[in-house]
Amino acid sequence: RSVGCLTPAQNDLFLRNPRFSGLKFPDMSKPEGVDRKYGSRLPKQAMGFMKSLLAMDPRDRLSWHGMLTHPYFEGMDGYNA
């Protein structure tokens, strides 16, 4: 509900998988969005990190290196950008 719709490729895989036969997703024409749900409770860097992890399209998600060097972790023990 917070992330949004599946990508076309993900939706195609879902529809072709017999395990999910007869199931359908709820209406996602107006997703709640993580900004609306958590934006007032998280710092900007935390929100940016979370959004980059929850991107629906895997190509838009952070790489492991991007996760480890994200500015959200600056100042924490073991941070190496």
Protein backbone atom coordinates (compact mmCIF):
# COMPACT_ATOMS: atom_id res chain seq x y z
CA ARG A 1 0.00 0.00 0.00
CA SER A 2 2.81 2.38 0.75
CA VAL A 3 5.10 1.55 -2.16
CA GLY A 4 2.75 1.58 -5.15
CA CYS A 5 2.00 -0.53 -8.20
CA LEU A 6 4.05 -3.39 -9.54
CA THR A 7 6.17 -2.73 -12.57
CA PRO A 8 4.72 -4.14 -15.83
CA ALA A 9 7.29 -6.96 -15.77
CA GLN A 10 6.44 -7.86 -12.16
CA ASN A 11 2.72 -7.77 -12.90
CA ASP A 12 3.22 -10.07 -15.90
CA LEU A 13 5.14 -12.58 -13.75
CA PHE A 14 2.43 -12.40 -11.09
CA LEU A 15 -0.37 -13.05 -13.59
CA ARG A 16 1.47 -15.99 -15.20
CA ASN A 17 2.30 -17.72 -11.90
CA PRO A 18 -0.24 -20.50 -11.20
CA ARG A 19 0.37 -20.13 -7.45
CA PHE A 20 -1.43 -16.76 -7.60
CA SER A 21 -4.26 -17.86 -9.88
CA GLY A 22 -7.49 -16.07 -9.00
CA LEU A 23 -5.79 -13.47 -6.80
CA LYS A 24 -5.59 -9.80 -7.64
CA PHE A 25 -4.03 -6.75 -6.07
CA PRO A 26 -6.09 -4.03 -4.42
CA ASP A 27 -6.62 -0.75 -6.25
CA MET A 28 -3.33 1.15 -6.19
CA SER A 29 -4.39 4.19 -8.18
CA LYS A 30 -3.74 6.34 -5.08
CA PRO A 31 -0.93 4.72 -3.07
CA GLU A 32 -0.41 6.08 0.43
CA GLY A 33 3.31 6.63 -0.14
CA VAL A 34 6.13 6.41 2.35
CA ASP A 35 6.50 10.21 2.41
CA ARG A 36 2.99 10.64 3.70
CA LYS A 37 3.19 7.74 6.12
CA TYR A 38 6.65 8.34 7.61
CA GLY A 39 7.84 11.73 6.34
CA SER A 40 7.00 13.65 9.48
CA ARG A 41 8.66 11.06 11.72
CA LEU A 42 11.97 10.45 9.94
CA PRO A 43 14.91 12.70 9.12
CA LYS A 44 15.39 13.47 5.40
CA GLN A 45 18.40 11.17 5.07
CA ALA A 46 16.55 8.28 6.72
CA MET A 47 13.58 8.85 4.40
CA GLY A 48 15.84 8.94 1.34
CA PHE A 49 17.54 5.72 2.42
CA MET A 50 14.23 3.95 3.03
CA LYS A 51 12.77 5.09 -0.31
CA SER A 52 15.87 3.90 -2.16
CA LEU A 53 15.47 0.45 -0.56
CA LEU A 54 11.75 0.22 -1.27
CA ALA A 55 11.84 1.25 -4.94
CA MET A 56 9.44 -1.07 -6.72
CA ASP A 57 11.68 -1.50 -9.76
CA PRO A 58 14.82 -3.41 -8.70
CA ARG A 59 16.90 -1.37 -11.16
CA ASP A 60 16.07 1.76 -9.15
CA ARG A 61 17.12 0.29 -5.79
CA LEU A 62 20.47 1.03 -4.19
CA SER A 63 23.30 -1.40 -4.80
CA TRP A 64 24.91 -2.98 -1.75
CA HIS A 65 27.73 -0.43 -2.04
CA GLY A 66 25.20 2.39 -2.27
CA MET A 67 23.51 1.10 0.87
CA LEU A 68 26.75 0.89 2.84
CA THR A 69 27.90 4.35 1.79
CA HIS A 70 24.57 6.17 2.02
CA PRO A 71 24.82 9.56 3.82
CA TYR A 72 22.33 8.29 6.41
CA PHE A 73 25.19 6.33 8.00
CA GLU A 74 27.69 9.21 8.15
CA GLY A 75 29.13 9.59 11.62
CA MET A 76 28.31 6.04 12.67
CA ASP A 77 31.05 3.61 13.67
CA GLY A 78 32.41 1.74 10.66
CA TYR A 79 31.17 4.26 8.06
CA ASN A 80 33.50 4.42 5.05
CA ALA A 81 32.26 6.37 2.05
